[in-house]
Amino acid sequence: MEKICQDLAAEHKVLDEIVSALDDKEWETITPFDGWTVKDEISHLGCFDYTATLSAKDPKDFHSHLEALLGKLKTADDFFEESLKPGQEKTPEALLSWWREQRENLLNTLVKLDPKQRLPWYGPDMSAKSFATARLMETWAHGQDIVDTFKLNRKPTNRLRHIAHIGVTTFKWSYLNRGIDVPEASVYVELKTDADDTWTWGDESSENSVSGPAEDFCLVVIRRRRINDTNLVIKGKVGQEWMKIAQAFAGPVAD
């Protein structure tokens, strides 16, 4: 768990450096994500870092929280709105301090766990390692919203491999989540990094493939970019179909 927690901490740090440089007015800037402000984005991350710690420390407490939450939700949108509430009454400075506290608590809890330990969540249970990886993916994804808002440059790192792996392993989920039959054909994925490393998944002989920059692939599977806005090369009917609907995270269909 130490390595994934180190990578998660590094992802936290990158985003922290970006938002801590913003003034109060910039924190109220609307991002490309669902009309959320920068403040909303950080509130959302802090909220789920808090409940993730709850899950990792005491699953019974998490289930009690989940039961209470579901009892007051009327729509799927209400679920996400709840995650924005912690930041509504806080100043940007106070919100940033609170987020730092929540993520530190999470890291201190996760690093002590067996990587295979199962943890409850809002969807299916996950292993502790997958749990930490999902938190890294969400931090990077919502960080992308803020990067896009201010047209900043964020250098790709090898931490993207965690996100790319989730993107590949959620192939079936992407279909099932939309009520579409999962194809029998497989897709070979070959991604390049800025350091000229190559990451691969699947059978190289498959007629369906996705290749190109690792960052572009990650942006597609977290639903922050469309295929035509990337340098990905996609071959085969299934490859094309998958990349149009790929969704590496749980929850309602995101378009």
Protein backbone atom coordinates (compact mmCIF):
# COMPACT_ATOMS: atom_id res chain seq x y z
CA MET A 1 0.00 0.00 0.00
CA GLU A 2 2.93 2.30 0.55
CA LYS A 3 3.59 2.90 -3.16
CA ILE A 4 0.00 3.69 -4.15
CA CYS A 5 -0.37 5.94 -1.10
CA GLN A 6 2.81 7.79 -2.10
CA ASP A 7 1.39 8.30 -5.58
CA LEU A 8 -1.93 9.47 -4.18
CA ALA A 9 -0.13 11.94 -1.91
CA ALA A 10 1.86 13.22 -4.89
CA GLU A 11 -1.36 13.77 -6.86
CA HIS A 12 -2.82 15.65 -3.89
CA LYS A 13 0.26 17.86 -3.78
CA VAL A 14 0.08 18.82 -7.46
CA LEU A 15 -3.55 19.90 -7.15
CA ASP A 16 -2.90 21.64 -3.84
CA GLU A 17 -0.18 23.75 -5.45
CA ILE A 18 -2.59 24.79 -8.19
CA VAL A 19 -5.55 25.80 -6.01
CA SER A 20 -3.50 27.36 -3.21
CA ALA A 21 -2.25 29.90 -5.76
CA LEU A 22 -5.80 31.05 -6.60
CA ASP A 23 -7.42 34.11 -5.08
CA ASP A 24 -10.88 34.04 -3.53
CA LYS A 25 -12.57 35.20 -6.73
CA GLU A 26 -10.88 32.47 -8.77
CA TRP A 27 -12.18 29.85 -6.34
CA GLU A 28 -15.68 30.89 -7.45
CA THR A 29 -14.86 30.38 -11.15
CA ILE A 30 -17.13 27.90 -12.91
CA THR A 31 -15.28 24.88 -14.33
CA PRO A 32 -16.25 22.81 -17.40
CA PHE A 33 -17.62 20.09 -15.10
CA ASP A 34 -21.39 20.28 -14.65
CA GLY A 35 -21.39 23.96 -13.69
CA TRP A 36 -19.28 23.33 -10.59
CA THR A 37 -16.95 26.01 -9.27
CA VAL A 38 -13.37 25.37 -8.20
CA LYS A 39 -14.69 25.48 -4.65
CA ASP A 40 -17.22 22.77 -5.48
CA GLU A 41 -14.51 20.57 -6.98
CA ILE A 42 -12.37 20.70 -3.83
CA SER A 43 -15.38 20.26 -1.57
CA HIS A 44 -16.34 17.13 -3.52
CA LEU A 45 -12.84 15.67 -3.17
CA GLY A 46 -12.66 16.48 0.53
CA CYS A 47 -16.10 15.00 1.18
CA PHE A 48 -15.24 11.67 -0.39
CA ASP A 49 -11.78 11.61 1.19
CA TYR A 50 -13.66 11.89 4.49
CA THR A 51 -16.13 9.10 3.73
CA ALA A 52 -13.33 6.96 2.28
CA THR A 53 -11.53 7.23 5.61
CA LEU A 54 -14.77 6.25 7.33
CA SER A 55 -14.98 3.13 5.15
CA ALA A 56 -11.36 2.18 5.75
CA LYS A 57 -11.52 2.70 9.50
CA ASP A 58 -14.94 1.26 10.34
CA PRO A 59 -17.15 -0.33 7.66
CA LYS A 60 -20.09 -0.38 10.10
CA ASP A 61 -19.91 3.39 10.49
CA PHE A 62 -19.69 3.74 6.73
CA HIS A 63 -22.80 1.60 6.22
CA SER A 64 -24.65 3.73 8.79
CA HIS A 65 -23.59 6.84 6.87
CA LEU A 66 -24.70 5.28 3.58
CA GLU A 67 -28.09 4.29 4.98
CA ALA A 68 -28.68 7.80 6.33
CA LEU A 69 -27.58 9.35 3.03
CA LEU A 70 -29.80 7.16 0.88
CA GLY A 71 -32.72 7.97 3.15
CA LYS A 72 -32.65 11.64 2.20
CA LEU A 73 -31.80 11.39 -1.50
CA LYS A 74 -34.56 11.86 -4.06
CA THR A 75 -32.52 11.82 -7.26
CA ALA A 76 -29.06 10.73 -8.40
CA ASP A 77 -28.09 14.39 -8.67
CA ASP A 78 -28.79 14.81 -4.95
CA PHE A 79 -25.94 12.39 -4.23
CA PHE A 80 -23.40 14.70 -5.81
CA GLU A 81 -25.00 17.82 -4.37
CA GLU A 82 -24.42 16.41 -0.89
CA SER A 83 -20.69 16.30 -1.60
CA LEU A 84 -20.65 20.03 -2.32
CA LYS A 85 -22.21 21.08 0.98
CA PRO A 86 -19.03 20.97 3.12
CA GLY A 87 -17.56 23.82 1.09
CA GLN A 88 -20.63 26.04 0.91
CA GLU A 89 -20.10 27.71 4.28
CA LYS A 90 -16.31 27.69 4.22
CA THR A 91 -13.93 30.31 2.92
CA PRO A 92 -11.45 29.07 0.32
CA GLU A 93 -8.73 29.13 2.97
CA ALA A 94 -10.82 27.10 5.40
CA LEU A 95 -11.89 24.67 2.69
CA LEU A 96 -8.30 24.10 1.60
CA SER A 97 -7.27 23.44 5.21
CA TRP A 98 -10.19 21.02 5.65
CA TRP A 99 -9.34 19.13 2.45
CA ARG A 100 -5.73 18.81 3.57
CA GLU A 101 -6.92 17.32 6.86
CA GLN A 102 -9.26 14.83 5.18
CA ARG A 103 -6.71 13.56 2.69
CA GLU A 104 -4.00 13.22 5.36
CA ASN A 105 -6.40 11.18 7.50
CA LEU A 106 -7.17 9.00 4.49
CA LEU A 107 -3.53 8.35 3.63
CA ASN A 108 -2.64 7.57 7.24
CA THR A 109 -5.48 5.04 7.33
CA LEU A 110 -4.99 3.40 3.93
CA VAL A 111 -1.24 2.85 4.26
CA LYS A 112 -1.81 0.50 7.21
CA LEU A 113 -4.18 -1.82 5.36
CA ASP A 114 -3.61 -5.08 3.54
CA PRO A 115 -3.86 -4.23 -0.19
CA LYS A 116 -6.41 -7.04 -0.64
CA GLN A 117 -8.67 -5.99 2.24
CA ARG A 118 -12.19 -5.35 0.98
CA LEU A 119 -13.70 -1.94 1.69
CA PRO A 120 -17.33 -0.90 1.23
CA TRP A 121 -18.17 2.00 -1.05
CA TYR A 122 -21.18 3.55 -2.78
CA GLY A 123 -20.95 0.90 -5.49
CA PRO A 124 -19.36 -2.55 -5.21
CA ASP A 125 -16.78 -3.25 -2.49
CA MET A 126 -13.18 -2.73 -3.56
CA SER A 127 -9.77 -3.91 -2.44
CA ALA A 128 -7.83 -1.34 -0.43
CA LYS A 129 -5.37 -0.91 -3.30
CA SER A 130 -8.13 -0.34 -5.84
CA PHE A 131 -9.78 2.01 -3.37
CA ALA A 132 -6.64 4.16 -3.16
CA THR A 133 -6.23 4.03 -6.93
CA ALA A 134 -9.79 5.26 -7.42
CA ARG A 135 -9.10 8.20 -5.10
CA LEU A 136 -6.03 9.05 -7.20
CA MET A 137 -8.10 8.89 -10.37
CA GLU A 138 -10.77 11.18 -8.95
CA THR A 139 -8.20 13.67 -7.68
CA TRP A 140 -6.59 13.80 -11.12
CA ALA A 141 -9.95 14.02 -12.91
CA HIS A 142 -11.31 16.93 -10.89
CA GLY A 143 -7.89 18.52 -11.02
CA GLN A 144 -8.21 18.40 -14.81
CA ASP A 145 -11.38 20.47 -14.58
CA ILE A 146 -9.44 23.17 -12.75
CA VAL A 147 -6.47 22.92 -15.10
CA ASP A 148 -8.81 23.35 -18.07
CA THR A 149 -10.58 26.28 -16.41
CA PHE A 150 -7.41 28.34 -16.14
CA LYS A 151 -5.68 26.85 -19.21
CA LEU A 152 -2.78 25.60 -17.10
CA ASN A 153 -0.15 23.03 -18.02
CA ARG A 154 0.03 19.94 -15.84
CA LYS A 155 2.89 17.64 -16.75
CA PRO A 156 1.86 14.00 -17.26
CA THR A 157 3.54 11.56 -14.87
CA ASN A 158 3.86 7.80 -14.54
CA ARG A 159 1.01 7.98 -12.04
CA LEU A 160 -1.25 7.97 -15.09
CA ARG A 161 -0.62 4.25 -15.33
CA HIS A 162 -2.96 3.74 -12.37
CA ILE A 163 -5.73 5.61 -14.18
CA ALA A 164 -5.05 3.91 -17.50
CA HIS A 165 -5.28 0.50 -15.80
CA ILE A 166 -8.68 1.37 -14.35
CA GLY A 167 -9.71 2.58 -17.80
CA VAL A 168 -8.82 -0.79 -19.31
CA THR A 169 -10.29 -2.95 -16.55
CA THR A 170 -13.64 -1.12 -16.65
CA PHE A 171 -14.21 -2.21 -20.27
CA LYS A 172 -17.19 -4.41 -19.33
CA TRP A 173 -18.55 -1.86 -16.87
CA SER A 174 -18.67 0.80 -19.58
CA TYR A 175 -21.12 -1.35 -21.54
CA LEU A 176 -23.14 -2.67 -18.61
CA ASN A 177 -23.60 0.82 -17.20
CA ARG A 178 -25.34 1.81 -20.43
CA GLY A 179 -27.38 -1.36 -20.70
CA ILE A 180 -25.42 -2.53 -23.75
CA ASP A 181 -24.35 -6.12 -24.35
CA VAL A 182 -20.65 -6.63 -23.68
CA PRO A 183 -18.86 -7.68 -26.88
CA GLU A 184 -16.84 -10.88 -26.91
CA ALA A 185 -13.98 -9.25 -28.81
CA SER A 186 -11.07 -7.86 -26.84
CA VAL A 187 -9.20 -4.60 -27.35
CA TYR A 188 -5.43 -4.26 -27.28
CA VAL A 189 -4.23 -1.05 -25.61
CA GLU A 190 -0.77 0.42 -26.17
CA LEU A 191 0.04 3.75 -24.57
CA LYS A 192 3.10 5.97 -24.75
CA THR A 193 4.36 8.25 -22.01
CA ASP A 194 6.34 11.48 -22.21
CA ALA A 195 9.33 9.49 -20.99
CA ASP A 196 8.92 7.25 -24.06
CA ASP A 197 7.83 4.27 -22.00
CA THR A 198 5.19 1.94 -23.41
CA TRP A 199 2.34 0.42 -21.41
CA THR A 200 0.29 -2.41 -22.88
CA TRP A 201 -2.80 -4.42 -22.02
CA GLY A 202 -4.40 -7.31 -23.88
CA ASP A 203 -3.59 -9.37 -26.96
CA GLU A 204 -1.44 -7.57 -29.52
CA SER A 205 -2.96 -9.66 -32.32
CA SER A 206 -6.49 -8.34 -31.68
CA GLU A 207 -8.11 -6.55 -34.61
CA ASN A 208 -9.38 -3.96 -32.15
CA SER A 209 -6.83 -1.62 -30.63
CA VAL A 210 -6.28 1.76 -28.99
CA SER A 211 -2.88 3.40 -29.11
CA GLY A 212 -1.41 6.81 -28.45
CA PRO A 213 -0.51 9.14 -25.57
CA ALA A 214 -1.32 7.79 -22.12
CA GLU A 215 -2.67 11.17 -21.05
CA ASP A 216 -5.14 11.24 -23.94
CA PHE A 217 -6.42 7.77 -23.07
CA CYS A 218 -6.88 8.76 -19.43
CA LEU A 219 -8.73 11.93 -20.40
CA VAL A 220 -11.14 9.91 -22.53
CA VAL A 221 -11.91 7.26 -19.91
CA ILE A 222 -12.58 9.91 -17.24
CA ARG A 223 -14.93 11.61 -19.73
CA ARG A 224 -12.94 14.86 -19.98
CA ARG A 225 -12.12 14.56 -23.68
CA ARG A 226 -13.81 13.18 -26.77
CA ILE A 227 -11.86 10.93 -29.13
CA ASN A 228 -11.59 13.55 -31.89
CA ASP A 229 -9.89 15.94 -29.48
CA THR A 230 -7.03 13.50 -28.85
CA ASN A 231 -4.18 11.86 -30.71
CA LEU A 232 -5.43 8.35 -30.05
CA VAL A 233 -5.41 5.87 -32.92
CA ILE A 234 -8.35 3.49 -32.69
CA LYS A 235 -8.82 0.41 -34.86
CA GLY A 236 -11.74 -1.99 -35.14
CA LYS A 237 -15.47 -1.66 -34.55
CA VAL A 238 -15.27 -2.62 -30.88
CA GLY A 239 -12.32 -0.33 -30.27
CA GLN A 240 -14.25 2.61 -31.70
CA GLU A 241 -17.42 1.71 -29.83
CA TRP A 242 -15.64 1.29 -26.50
CA MET A 243 -13.80 4.60 -26.66
CA LYS A 244 -17.08 6.41 -27.30
CA ILE A 245 -18.64 5.05 -24.11
CA ALA A 246 -15.58 4.32 -21.92
CA GLN A 247 -16.17 5.34 -18.31
CA ALA A 248 -13.59 4.47 -15.68
CA PHE A 249 -15.66 5.49 -12.67
CA ALA A 250 -18.85 4.25 -11.03
CA GLY A 251 -22.10 6.18 -11.05
CA PRO A 252 -24.62 7.26 -13.68
CA VAL A 253 -23.68 7.40 -17.37
CA ALA A 254 -21.49 10.44 -18.04
CA ASP A 255 -21.55 12.09 -21.46
